[in-house]
C-alpha atoms as a PDB file:
ATOM      1  CA  MET A   1      53.233  39.617 -21.110  1.00  0.00           C
ATOM      2  CA  ALA A   2      51.152  42.488 -19.787  1.00  0.00           C
ATOM      3  CA  GLY A   3      48.447  40.023 -18.734  1.00  0.00           C
ATOM      4  CA  VAL A   4      50.969  37.890 -16.824  1.00  0.00           C
ATOM      5  CA  ALA A   5      52.353  40.972 -15.077  1.00  0.00           C
ATOM      6  CA  THR A   6      48.841  42.048 -14.123  1.00  0.00           C
ATOM      7  CA  ARG A   7      48.035  38.616 -12.676  1.00  0.00           C
ATOM      8  CA  ASN A   8      51.314  38.603 -10.705  1.00  0.00           C
ATOM      9  CA  GLU A   9      50.585  42.034  -9.298  1.00  0.00           C
ATOM     10  CA  GLY A  10      47.113  40.869  -8.376  1.00  0.00           C
ATOM     11  CA  ALA A  11      48.533  37.861  -6.539  1.00  0.00           C
ATOM     12  CA  PHE A  12      51.031  40.014  -4.647  1.00  0.00           C
ATOM     13  CA  SER A  13      48.342  42.532  -3.751  1.00  0.00           C
ATOM     14  CA  ARG A  14      46.253  39.727  -2.208  1.00  0.00           C
ATOM     15  CA  LEU A  15      49.209  38.913   0.040  1.00  0.00           C
ATOM     16  CA  GLU A  16      48.510  42.165   1.827  1.00  0.00           C
ATOM     17  CA  HIS A  17      45.386  40.556   3.285  1.00  0.00           C
ATOM     18  CA  LEU A  18      46.947  37.158   4.080  1.00  0.00           C
ATOM     19  CA  PRO A  19      45.796  36.589   7.695  1.00  0.00           C
ATOM     20  CA  VAL A  20      48.093  35.466  10.487  1.00  0.00           C
ATOM     21  CA  THR A  21      45.235  33.179  11.549  1.00  0.00           C
ATOM     22  CA  LEU A  22      46.341  30.781   8.778  1.00  0.00           C
ATOM     23  CA  PHE A  23      48.935  29.400  11.197  1.00  0.00           C
ATOM     24  CA  ALA A  24      46.055  27.829  13.118  1.00  0.00           C
ATOM     25  CA  ILE A  25      46.025  25.317  10.240  1.00  0.00           C
ATOM     26  CA  THR A  26      49.538  24.118  11.045  1.00  0.00           C
ATOM     27  CA  MET A  27      48.676  23.918  14.744  1.00  0.00           C
ATOM     28  CA  GLY A  28      45.805  21.615  13.831  1.00  0.00           C
ATOM     29  CA  LEU A  29      47.894  19.435  11.512  1.00  0.00           C
ATOM     30  CA  PHE A  30      50.757  19.028  13.989  1.00  0.00           C
ATOM     31  CA  GLY A  31      48.174  18.317  16.673  1.00  0.00           C
ATOM     32  CA  LEU A  32      46.692  15.549  14.517  1.00  0.00           C
ATOM     33  CA  ALA A  33      50.174  14.098  13.935  1.00  0.00           C
ATOM     34  CA  LEU A  34      50.785  14.048  17.704  1.00  0.00           C
ATOM     35  CA  ALA A  35      47.395  12.459  18.360  1.00  0.00           C
ATOM     36  CA  LEU A  36      48.081   9.711  15.822  1.00  0.00           C
ATOM     37  CA  HIS A  37      51.539   9.173  17.302  1.00  0.00           C
ATOM     38  CA  ALA A  38      49.966   8.886  20.763  1.00  0.00           C
ATOM     39  CA  ALA A  39      47.492   6.352  19.379  1.00  0.00           C
ATOM     40  CA  ALA A  40      50.402   4.346  17.957  1.00  0.00           C
ATOM     41  CA  GLY A  41      51.381   3.502  21.536  1.00  0.00           C
ATOM     42  CA  SER A  42      48.273   1.319  21.637  1.00  0.00           C
ATOM     43  CA  TYR A  43      47.624   0.695  17.929  1.00  0.00           C
ATOM     44  CA  ASP A  44      50.631   0.102  15.652  1.00  0.00           C
ATOM     45  CA  TRP A  45      48.714   1.054  12.495  1.00  0.00           C
ATOM     46  CA  ALA A  46      48.563   4.710  13.597  1.00  0.00           C
ATOM     47  CA  GLU A  47      52.298   5.350  13.197  1.00  0.00           C
ATOM     48  CA  THR A  48      52.318   5.541   9.399  1.00  0.00           C
ATOM     49  CA  PRO A  49      49.443   8.055   9.207  1.00  0.00           C
ATOM     50  CA  ALA A  50      51.218  10.075  11.933  1.00  0.00           C
ATOM     51  CA  ARG A  51      54.302  10.391   9.737  1.00  0.00           C
ATOM     52  CA  VAL A  52      52.233  11.306   6.666  1.00  0.00           C
ATOM     53  CA  VAL A  53      50.326  14.024   8.541  1.00  0.00           C
ATOM     54  CA  LEU A  54      53.599  15.336   9.984  1.00  0.00           C
ATOM     55  CA  TRP A  55      55.006  15.772   6.471  1.00  0.00           C
ATOM     56  CA  ILE A  56      51.805  17.488   5.345  1.00  0.00           C
ATOM     57  CA  GLY A  57      52.057  19.810   8.349  1.00  0.00           C
ATOM     58  CA  LEU A  58      55.695  20.611   7.551  1.00  0.00           C
ATOM     59  CA  ALA A  59      54.799  21.426   3.949  1.00  0.00           C
ATOM     60  CA  CYS A  60      51.866  23.630   4.988  1.00  0.00           C
ATOM     61  CA  PHE A  61      53.984  25.452   7.561  1.00  0.00           C
ATOM     62  CA  ALA A  62      56.714  26.131   4.985  1.00  0.00           C
ATOM     63  CA  ILE A  63      54.178  27.449   2.455  1.00  0.00           C
ATOM     64  CA  ILE A  64      52.246  29.619   4.904  1.00  0.00           C
ATOM     65  CA  ALA A  65      55.417  30.943   6.549  1.00  0.00           C
ATOM     66  CA  GLY A  66      56.900  31.739   3.132  1.00  0.00           C
ATOM     67  CA  PHE A  67      53.843  33.681   2.044  1.00  0.00           C
ATOM     68  CA  TYR A  68      53.540  35.513   5.353  1.00  0.00           C
ATOM     69  CA  LEU A  69      57.222  36.454   5.286  1.00  0.00           C
ATOM     70  CA  THR A  70      56.704  37.816   1.773  1.00  0.00           C
ATOM     71  CA  LYS A  71      53.758  39.800   3.083  1.00  0.00           C
ATOM     72  CA  ALA A  72      55.918  41.184   5.904  1.00  0.00           C
ATOM     73  CA  VAL A  73      58.532  42.352   3.383  1.00  0.00           C
ATOM     74  CA  ARG A  74      56.129  43.772   0.807  1.00  0.00           C
ATOM     75  CA  HIS A  75      53.350  44.997   3.102  1.00  0.00           C
ATOM     76  CA  PRO A  76      54.849  45.684   6.550  1.00  0.00           C
ATOM     77  CA  LYS A  77      52.066  48.151   7.386  1.00  0.00           C
ATOM     78  CA  SER A  78      49.529  45.367   6.972  1.00  0.00           C
ATOM     79  CA  VAL A  79      51.396  43.185   9.483  1.00  0.00           C
ATOM     80  CA  VAL A  80      51.533  46.118  11.905  1.00  0.00           C
ATOM     81  CA  ALA A  81      47.779  46.615  11.436  1.00  0.00           C
ATOM     82  CA  GLU A  82      47.179  42.954  12.340  1.00  0.00           C
ATOM     83  CA  TRP A  83      49.380  43.372  15.411  1.00  0.00           C
ATOM     84  CA  HIS A  84      47.236  46.304  16.531  1.00  0.00           C
ATOM     85  CA  HIS A  85      43.988  44.456  15.781  1.00  0.00           C
ATOM     86  CA  PRO A  86      42.305  43.552  19.109  1.00  0.00           C
ATOM     87  CA  VAL A  87      41.411  40.016  17.951  1.00  0.00           C
ATOM     88  CA  LYS A  88      44.178  39.087  15.487  1.00  0.00           C
ATOM     89  CA  LEU A  89      46.867  40.064  18.005  1.00  0.00           C
ATOM     90  CA  ALA A  90      46.154  36.851  19.938  1.00  0.00           C
ATOM     91  CA  PHE A  91      46.907  34.713  16.866  1.00  0.00           C
ATOM     92  CA  PHE A  92      50.544  35.786  16.349  1.00  0.00           C
ATOM     93  CA  PRO A  93      51.816  33.162  18.836  1.00  0.00           C
ATOM     94  CA  THR A  94      50.260  30.452  16.648  1.00  0.00           C
ATOM     95  CA  ILE A  95      53.508  30.826  14.661  1.00  0.00           C
ATOM     96  CA  THR A  96      55.784  29.935  17.579  1.00  0.00           C
ATOM     97  CA  ILE A  97      53.334  27.377  18.968  1.00  0.00           C
ATOM     98  CA  SER A  98      53.440  25.664  15.574  1.00  0.00           C
ATOM     99  CA  LEU A  99      57.249  25.539  15.870  1.00  0.00           C
ATOM    100  CA  LEU A 100      56.966  23.991  19.354  1.00  0.00           C
ATOM    101  CA  LEU A 101      54.459  21.412  18.129  1.00  0.00           C
ATOM    102  CA  MET A 102      56.666  20.704  15.121  1.00  0.00           C
ATOM    103  CA  ALA A 103      59.620  20.077  17.440  1.00  0.00           C
ATOM    104  CA  THR A 104      57.462  17.794  19.608  1.00  0.00           C
ATOM    105  CA  ALA A 105      56.235  15.804  16.608  1.00  0.00           C
ATOM    106  CA  ILE A 106      59.744  15.469  15.164  1.00  0.00           C
ATOM    107  CA  HIS A 107      61.373  14.546  18.484  1.00  0.00           C
ATOM    108  CA  GLY A 108      60.375  10.894  18.260  1.00  0.00           C
ATOM    109  CA  TYR A 109      62.140  10.543  14.908  1.00  0.00           C
ATOM    110  CA  ARG A 110      64.947  13.127  14.890  1.00  0.00           C
ATOM    111  CA  PRO A 111      65.811  14.569  18.336  1.00  0.00           C
ATOM    112  CA  ASP A 112      68.804  16.357  16.769  1.00  0.00           C
ATOM    113  CA  LEU A 113      66.429  18.399  14.584  1.00  0.00           C
ATOM    114  CA  ALA A 114      63.846  18.844  17.332  1.00  0.00           C
ATOM    115  CA  GLN A 115      66.299  20.622  19.625  1.00  0.00           C
ATOM    116  CA  PRO A 116      67.014  23.734  17.485  1.00  0.00           C
ATOM    117  CA  LEU A 117      63.366  23.983  16.440  1.00  0.00           C
ATOM    118  CA  TRP A 118      62.296  23.834  20.078  1.00  0.00           C
ATOM    119  CA  VAL A 119      64.825  26.477  21.136  1.00  0.00           C
ATOM    120  CA  LEU A 120      63.666  28.764  18.326  1.00  0.00           C
ATOM    121  CA  GLY A 121      60.040  28.182  19.308  1.00  0.00           C
ATOM    122  CA  VAL A 122      60.738  28.868  22.986  1.00  0.00           C
ATOM    123  CA  LEU A 123      62.571  32.121  22.264  1.00  0.00           C
ATOM    124  CA  GLY A 124      59.768  33.275  19.981  1.00  0.00           C
ATOM    125  CA  GLN A 125      57.033  32.147  22.364  1.00  0.00           C
ATOM    126  CA  GLY A 126      58.641  33.931  25.292  1.00  0.00           C
ATOM    127  CA  ALA A 127      59.066  37.144  23.304  1.00  0.00           C
ATOM    128  CA  LEU A 128      55.526  37.058  21.907  1.00  0.00           C
ATOM    129  CA  THR A 129      54.005  36.280  25.309  1.00  0.00           C
ATOM    130  CA  ILE A 130      55.631  39.359  26.843  1.00  0.00           C
ATOM    131  CA  ALA A 131      54.818  41.490  23.786  1.00  0.00           C
ATOM    132  CA  VAL A 132      51.150  40.459  23.589  1.00  0.00           C
ATOM    133  CA  ILE A 133      50.494  40.776  27.316  1.00  0.00           C
ATOM    134  CA  SER A 134      52.259  44.140  27.293  1.00  0.00           C
ATOM    135  CA  GLY A 135      49.928  45.112  24.468  1.00  0.00           C
ATOM    136  CA  TRP A 136      46.932  44.036  26.529  1.00  0.00           C
ATOM    137  CA  ILE A 137      47.918  46.156  29.532  1.00  0.00           C
ATOM    138  CA  SER A 138      49.070  49.156  27.503  1.00  0.00           C
ATOM    139  CA  HIS A 139      47.091  52.319  26.869  1.00  0.00           C
ATOM    140  CA  ARG A 140      44.997  50.601  24.188  1.00  0.00           C
ATOM    141  CA  ALA A 141      41.269  50.643  24.872  1.00  0.00           C
ATOM    142  CA  PHE A 142      40.099  47.028  24.602  1.00  0.00           C
ATOM    143  CA  GLU A 143      36.391  46.345  24.786  1.00  0.00           C
ATOM    144  CA  VAL A 144      34.671  43.339  26.331  1.00  0.00           C
ATOM    145  CA  GLY A 145      33.574  42.249  22.843  1.00  0.00           C
ATOM    146  CA  HIS A 146      37.226  41.829  21.833  1.00  0.00           C
ATOM    147  CA  LEU A 147      37.724  39.091  24.429  1.00  0.00           C
ATOM    148  CA  THR A 148      37.263  35.530  23.147  1.00  0.00           C
ATOM    149  CA  PRO A 149      38.774  32.154  24.126  1.00  0.00           C
ATOM    150  CA  ALA A 150      41.421  32.895  21.455  1.00  0.00           C
ATOM    151  CA  TRP A 151      43.049  35.075  24.116  1.00  0.00           C
ATOM    152  CA  PHE A 152      44.252  31.832  25.706  1.00  0.00           C
ATOM    153  CA  ILE A 153      46.669  31.321  22.802  1.00  0.00           C
ATOM    154  CA  PRO A 154      49.471  33.812  23.634  1.00  0.00           C
ATOM    155  CA  ALA A 155      49.876  33.146  27.353  1.00  0.00           C
ATOM    156  CA  VAL A 156      48.458  29.676  27.925  1.00  0.00           C
ATOM    157  CA  GLY A 157      50.371  28.437  24.864  1.00  0.00           C
ATOM    158  CA  ASN A 158      53.378  28.334  27.182  1.00  0.00           C
ATOM    159  CA  VAL A 159      52.188  25.009  28.649  1.00  0.00           C
ATOM    160  CA  ILE A 160      53.124  23.431  25.300  1.00  0.00           C
ATOM    161  CA  VAL A 161      56.832  24.072  25.962  1.00  0.00           C
ATOM    162  CA  PRO A 162      57.387  20.993  28.213  1.00  0.00           C
ATOM    163  CA  LEU A 163      55.975  18.571  25.622  1.00  0.00           C
ATOM    164  CA  ALA A 164      59.382  18.482  23.926  1.00  0.00           C
ATOM    165  CA  GLY A 165      61.319  20.476  26.527  1.00  0.00           C
ATOM    166  CA  ALA A 166      61.115  17.812  29.241  1.00  0.00           C
ATOM    167  CA  PRO A 167      62.315  14.915  27.011  1.00  0.00           C
ATOM    168  CA  LEU A 168      65.081  17.154  25.628  1.00  0.00           C
ATOM    169  CA  GLY A 169      66.342  17.845  29.160  1.00  0.00           C
ATOM    170  CA  TRP A 170      65.265  21.490  29.481  1.00  0.00           C
ATOM    171  CA  THR A 171      63.506  20.844  32.790  1.00  0.00           C
ATOM    172  CA  GLU A 172      63.866  24.234  34.482  1.00  0.00           C
ATOM    173  CA  THR A 173      62.897  26.133  31.338  1.00  0.00           C
ATOM    174  CA  SER A 174      59.891  23.850  30.909  1.00  0.00           C
ATOM    175  CA  TRP A 175      58.738  24.467  34.480  1.00  0.00           C
ATOM    176  CA  LEU A 176      59.117  28.224  33.975  1.00  0.00           C
ATOM    177  CA  PHE A 177      56.893  28.292  30.893  1.00  0.00           C
ATOM    178  CA  PHE A 178      54.458  25.763  32.365  1.00  0.00           C
ATOM    179  CA  SER A 179      54.020  27.884  35.491  1.00  0.00           C
ATOM    180  CA  ALA A 180      53.468  31.056  33.462  1.00  0.00           C
ATOM    181  CA  GLY A 181      50.906  29.316  31.282  1.00  0.00           C
ATOM    182  CA  MET A 182      48.974  27.944  34.251  1.00  0.00           C
ATOM    183  CA  ILE A 183      48.840  31.326  36.010  1.00  0.00           C
ATOM    184  CA  PHE A 184      47.548  33.104  32.929  1.00  0.00           C
ATOM    185  CA  TRP A 185      45.088  30.274  32.237  1.00  0.00           C
ATOM    186  CA  LEU A 186      43.396  30.878  35.580  1.00  0.00           C
ATOM    187  CA  VAL A 187      43.331  34.660  35.086  1.00  0.00           C
ATOM    188  CA  LEU A 188      42.013  34.481  31.523  1.00  0.00           C
ATOM    189  CA  LEU A 189      39.522  31.727  32.365  1.00  0.00           C
ATOM    190  CA  VAL A 190      37.786  34.060  34.808  1.00  0.00           C
ATOM    191  CA  LEU A 191      37.796  36.917  32.294  1.00  0.00           C
ATOM    192  CA  VAL A 192      36.488  34.753  29.447  1.00  0.00           C
ATOM    193  CA  PHE A 193      33.620  33.318  31.512  1.00  0.00           C
ATOM    194  CA  ASN A 194      32.707  36.780  32.727  1.00  0.00           C
ATOM    195  CA  ARG A 195      32.478  37.833  29.076  1.00  0.00           C
ATOM    196  CA  LEU A 196      30.467  34.735  28.084  1.00  0.00           C
ATOM    197  CA  ILE A 197      27.965  35.033  30.931  1.00  0.00           C
ATOM    198  CA  PHE A 198      27.415  38.743  31.397  1.00  0.00           C
ATOM    199  CA  HIS A 199      27.951  40.241  27.949  1.00  0.00           C
ATOM    200  CA  ALA A 200      26.806  39.883  24.352  1.00  0.00           C
ATOM    201  CA  PRO A 201      27.360  36.480  22.657  1.00  0.00           C
ATOM    202  CA  ILE A 202      30.565  35.857  20.736  1.00  0.00           C
ATOM    203  CA  PRO A 203      30.142  36.851  17.050  1.00  0.00           C
ATOM    204  CA  ALA A 204      29.342  33.919  14.766  1.00  0.00           C
ATOM    205  CA  ARG A 205      32.664  34.222  12.964  1.00  0.00           C
ATOM    206  CA  LEU A 206      34.574  33.748  16.233  1.00  0.00           C
ATOM    207  CA  PHE A 207      32.180  31.341  17.962  1.00  0.00           C
ATOM    208  CA  PRO A 208      34.291  28.254  17.047  1.00  0.00           C
ATOM    209  CA  THR A 209      37.053  29.641  19.288  1.00  0.00           C
ATOM    210  CA  LEU A 210      34.907  28.435  22.191  1.00  0.00           C
ATOM    211  CA  VAL A 211      36.431  24.993  21.597  1.00  0.00           C
ATOM    212  CA  ILE A 212      39.802  26.416  22.700  1.00  0.00           C
ATOM    213  CA  LEU A 213      38.511  26.076  26.290  1.00  0.00           C
ATOM    214  CA  ILE A 214      39.444  22.383  26.060  1.00  0.00           C
ATOM    215  CA  ALA A 215      43.078  22.896  25.096  1.00  0.00           C
ATOM    216  CA  PRO A 216      44.764  24.466  28.159  1.00  0.00           C
ATOM    217  CA  PRO A 217      43.919  21.762  30.741  1.00  0.00           C
ATOM    218  CA  ALA A 218      44.406  18.940  28.211  1.00  0.00           C
ATOM    219  CA  VAL A 219      47.866  20.136  27.118  1.00  0.00           C
ATOM    220  CA  ALA A 220      48.761  21.045  30.694  1.00  0.00           C
ATOM    221  CA  PHE A 221      47.966  17.480  31.770  1.00  0.00           C
ATOM    222  CA  VAL A 222      50.341  15.953  29.221  1.00  0.00           C
ATOM    223  CA  SER A 223      53.058  18.491  30.042  1.00  0.00           C
ATOM    224  CA  TYR A 224      52.630  17.911  33.768  1.00  0.00           C
ATOM    225  CA  VAL A 225      52.952  14.153  33.341  1.00  0.00           C
ATOM    226  CA  ARG A 226      56.167  14.644  31.383  1.00  0.00           C
ATOM    227  CA  LEU A 227      57.553  17.001  34.033  1.00  0.00           C
ATOM    228  CA  SER A 228      56.464  15.052  37.117  1.00  0.00           C
ATOM    229  CA  GLY A 229      56.863  11.550  35.707  1.00  0.00           C
ATOM    230  CA  GLY A 230      53.387  10.336  36.591  1.00  0.00           C
ATOM    231  CA  VAL A 231      49.762  11.129  37.384  1.00  0.00           C
ATOM    232  CA  ASP A 232      48.896  12.549  40.798  1.00  0.00           C
ATOM    233  CA  ALA A 233      45.890  14.455  42.181  1.00  0.00           C
ATOM    234  CA  PHE A 234      46.783  17.642  40.291  1.00  0.00           C
ATOM    235  CA  GLY A 235      47.095  15.687  37.044  1.00  0.00           C
ATOM    236  CA  HIS A 236      43.676  14.130  37.651  1.00  0.00           C
ATOM    237  CA  MET A 237      42.208  17.594  38.157  1.00  0.00           C
ATOM    238  CA  LEU A 238      43.673  18.871  34.873  1.00  0.00           C
ATOM    239  CA  LEU A 239      42.389  15.942  32.822  1.00  0.00           C
ATOM    240  CA  SER A 240      38.970  16.055  34.467  1.00  0.00           C
ATOM    241  CA  SER A 241      38.761  19.789  33.745  1.00  0.00           C
ATOM    242  CA  ALA A 242      39.471  19.082  30.084  1.00  0.00           C
ATOM    243  CA  TYR A 243      36.598  16.577  29.987  1.00  0.00           C
ATOM    244  CA  VAL A 244      34.247  19.060  31.670  1.00  0.00           C
ATOM    245  CA  PHE A 245      35.058  21.728  29.066  1.00  0.00           C
ATOM    246  CA  ALA A 246      34.682  19.131  26.307  1.00  0.00           C
ATOM    247  CA  ALA A 247      31.181  18.326  27.565  1.00  0.00           C
ATOM    248  CA  LEU A 248      30.368  22.035  27.651  1.00  0.00           C
ATOM    249  CA  VAL A 249      31.543  22.440  24.056  1.00  0.00           C
ATOM    250  CA  LEU A 250      29.706  19.298  22.922  1.00  0.00           C
ATOM    251  CA  VAL A 251      26.409  20.922  23.872  1.00  0.00           C
ATOM    252  CA  GLN A 252      27.264  23.795  21.503  1.00  0.00           C
ATOM    253  CA  VAL A 253      27.796  21.528  18.451  1.00  0.00           C
ATOM    254  CA  PRO A 254      24.279  22.086  16.973  1.00  0.00           C
ATOM    255  CA  LYS A 255      24.929  25.837  16.987  1.00  0.00           C
ATOM    256  CA  LEU A 256      28.403  25.352  15.501  1.00  0.00           C
ATOM    257  CA  LEU A 257      27.047  23.324  12.591  1.00  0.00           C
ATOM    258  CA  LYS A 258      24.787  26.217  11.560  1.00  0.00           C
ATOM    259  CA  LEU A 259      27.623  28.724  11.224  1.00  0.00           C
ATOM    260  CA  PRO A 260      29.291  29.680   7.907  1.00  0.00           C
ATOM    261  CA  PHE A 261      32.914  28.676   7.335  1.00  0.00           C
ATOM    262  CA  ALA A 262      35.718  30.958   8.491  1.00  0.00           C
ATOM    263  CA  LEU A 263      39.370  30.348   9.325  1.00  0.00           C
ATOM    264  CA  SER A 264      38.366  30.452  12.998  1.00  0.00           C
ATOM    265  CA  TRP A 265      36.902  26.968  12.417  1.00  0.00           C
ATOM    266  CA  TRP A 266      40.458  25.651  12.643  1.00  0.00           C
ATOM    267  CA  ALA A 267      40.163  26.394  16.368  1.00  0.00           C
ATOM    268  CA  LEU A 268      38.327  23.064  16.585  1.00  0.00           C
ATOM    269  CA  SER A 269      41.325  20.969  15.555  1.00  0.00           C
ATOM    270  CA  PHE A 270      44.099  21.478  18.106  1.00  0.00           C
ATOM    271  CA  PRO A 271      41.898  21.249  21.235  1.00  0.00           C
ATOM    272  CA  LEU A 272      40.513  17.914  20.008  1.00  0.00           C
ATOM    273  CA  ALA A 273      44.060  16.728  19.350  1.00  0.00           C
ATOM    274  CA  ALA A 274      45.124  17.782  22.847  1.00  0.00           C
ATOM    275  CA  LEU A 275      42.182  15.941  24.415  1.00  0.00           C
ATOM    276  CA  SER A 276      42.932  12.799  22.401  1.00  0.00           C
ATOM    277  CA  VAL A 277      46.617  12.803  23.393  1.00  0.00           C
ATOM    278  CA  ALA A 278      45.756  13.443  27.048  1.00  0.00           C
ATOM    279  CA  SER A 279      43.322  10.502  27.034  1.00  0.00           C
ATOM    280  CA  PHE A 280      45.896   8.153  25.495  1.00  0.00           C
ATOM    281  CA  VAL A 281      48.576   9.286  27.961  1.00  0.00           C
ATOM    282  CA  TYR A 282      46.322   8.722  30.964  1.00  0.00           C
ATOM    283  CA  GLY A 283      45.057   5.446  29.514  1.00  0.00           C
ATOM    284  CA  ARG A 284      48.581   4.058  29.385  1.00  0.00           C
ATOM    285  CA  GLU A 285      49.683   5.589  32.711  1.00  0.00           C
ATOM    286  CA  ALA A 286      46.676   4.172  34.569  1.00  0.00           C
ATOM    287  CA  THR A 287      46.168   1.097  32.353  1.00  0.00           C
ATOM    288  CA  SER A 288      42.669   2.345  31.604  1.00  0.00           C
ATOM    289  CA  GLY A 289      41.031   0.859  28.533  1.00  0.00           C
ATOM    290  CA  THR A 290      38.190   3.326  28.948  1.00  0.00           C
ATOM    291  CA  HIS A 291      40.475   6.325  28.501  1.00  0.00           C
ATOM    292  CA  ILE A 292      42.207   4.742  25.512  1.00  0.00           C
ATOM    293  CA  ALA A 293      38.761   4.211  23.982  1.00  0.00           C
ATOM    294  CA  ILE A 294      37.928   7.875  24.660  1.00  0.00           C
ATOM    295  CA  GLY A 295      41.185   8.837  22.976  1.00  0.00           C
ATOM    296  CA  MET A 296      40.209   6.818  19.902  1.00  0.00           C
ATOM    297  CA  VAL A 297      36.725   8.350  19.733  1.00  0.00           C
ATOM    298  CA  VAL A 298      38.151  11.867  19.960  1.00  0.00           C
ATOM    299  CA  LEU A 299      40.836  10.970  17.396  1.00  0.00           C
ATOM    300  CA  ALA A 300      38.178   9.735  14.960  1.00  0.00           C
ATOM    301  CA  ALA A 301      36.274  13.005  15.409  1.00  0.00           C
ATOM    302  CA  LEU A 302      39.527  14.927  14.911  1.00  0.00           C
ATOM    303  CA  VAL A 303      40.290  13.132  11.638  1.00  0.00           C
ATOM    304  CA  LEU A 304      36.828  13.989  10.311  1.00  0.00           C
ATOM    305  CA  VAL A 305      37.136  17.609  11.454  1.00  0.00           C
ATOM    306  CA  VAL A 306      40.580  18.116   9.899  1.00  0.00           C
ATOM    307  CA  ALA A 307      39.519  16.447   6.643  1.00  0.00           C
ATOM    308  CA  GLY A 308      36.465  18.697   6.468  1.00  0.00           C
ATOM    309  CA  LEU A 309      38.497  21.802   7.311  1.00  0.00           C
ATOM    310  CA  LEU A 310      41.119  21.014   4.665  1.00  0.00           C
ATOM    311  CA  TYR A 311      38.395  20.567   2.062  1.00  0.00           C
ATOM    312  CA  ARG A 312      36.575  23.746   3.053  1.00  0.00           C
ATOM    313  CA  THR A 313      39.801  25.779   3.264  1.00  0.00           C
ATOM    314  CA  GLY A 314      40.886  24.556  -0.160  1.00  0.00           C
ATOM    315  CA  LEU A 315      37.479  25.524  -1.529  1.00  0.00           C
ATOM    316  CA  ALA A 316      37.774  28.970   0.060  1.00  0.00           C
ATOM    317  CA  ILE A 317      41.208  29.451  -1.540  1.00  0.00           C
ATOM    318  CA  LEU A 318      39.867  28.484  -4.974  1.00  0.00           C
ATOM    319  CA  ARG A 319      36.982  30.904  -4.496  1.00  0.00           C
ATOM    320  CA  ASP A 320      39.399  33.642  -3.413  1.00  0.00           C
ATOM    321  CA  GLU A 321      37.662  33.938  -0.026  1.00  0.00           C
ATOM    322  CA  ILE A 322      40.779  33.912   2.160  1.00  0.00           C
ATOM    323  CA  CYS A 323      42.906  36.949   1.302  1.00  0.00           C
ATOM    324  CA  ARG A 324      40.215  39.587   1.485  1.00  0.00           C
ATOM    325  CA  PRO A 325      40.025  42.800   3.484  1.00  0.00           C
ATOM    326  CA  ASP A 326      38.059  42.516   6.736  1.00  0.00           C
END
């Protein structure tokens, strides 16, 4: 009995180091589900895998949220320490973004369930956006080295709101969050490129966050199409920007492949999903077989990336590499 108690205490003590960055996993899984669902508009076979991945994402979100809530109850000081961490602070909105993506993925099957999830996600996203940005402009002394593309997550994550908000009828709210996300995207884009060009390289552990550059314009394109009802010049600019950033990231792949695994690798998944969905949406709007083909190529890469990340994350959990002090 003493041995069991010791093991239980050991498990609970590891919860203290459970990182909020784990919610990037659910962002990636819901993103894959949305990409497969978008592909189903052109290829019927993709609908079944979309449902399977959605269920896997729901299960992962429930497990991760349950453990993190337990951590918050048992180790509140550890959560506060993450909140005050200059890098981890940006990952707290992955929780509410996951809720928004969950609502978007569920909307096609159960709009009645999507509505409350979306409202909860919007309230949380709005609160976290204000809280994180307030933290950025507070008296805290942030250094240039703390700035990475992960800083797009809290503010630019607002462009995700219209994905389900527009179909659910929350048009004004969707425009509000979309506008906020676009403004902060432009501000942060300048800051991030200043950091990338004129300062020391991003640390290896955070280098995969560079892929996040793709996500804002790709998601913004899909949201804009849902809000405006079609593709105009501004929509073309957003999608083209996403492709430009994708090309920039593609050049960095050889360097990425040499890096050791870290949870930051999950930053690869959602941007690829966003680019795939955007390509499928434009392909159908403009009747462009080329863009649908691009969507399929990106989707295939996304499937391989998520499969590899799931395997490597599972291996890291078995090796007790996840819940460790920084």
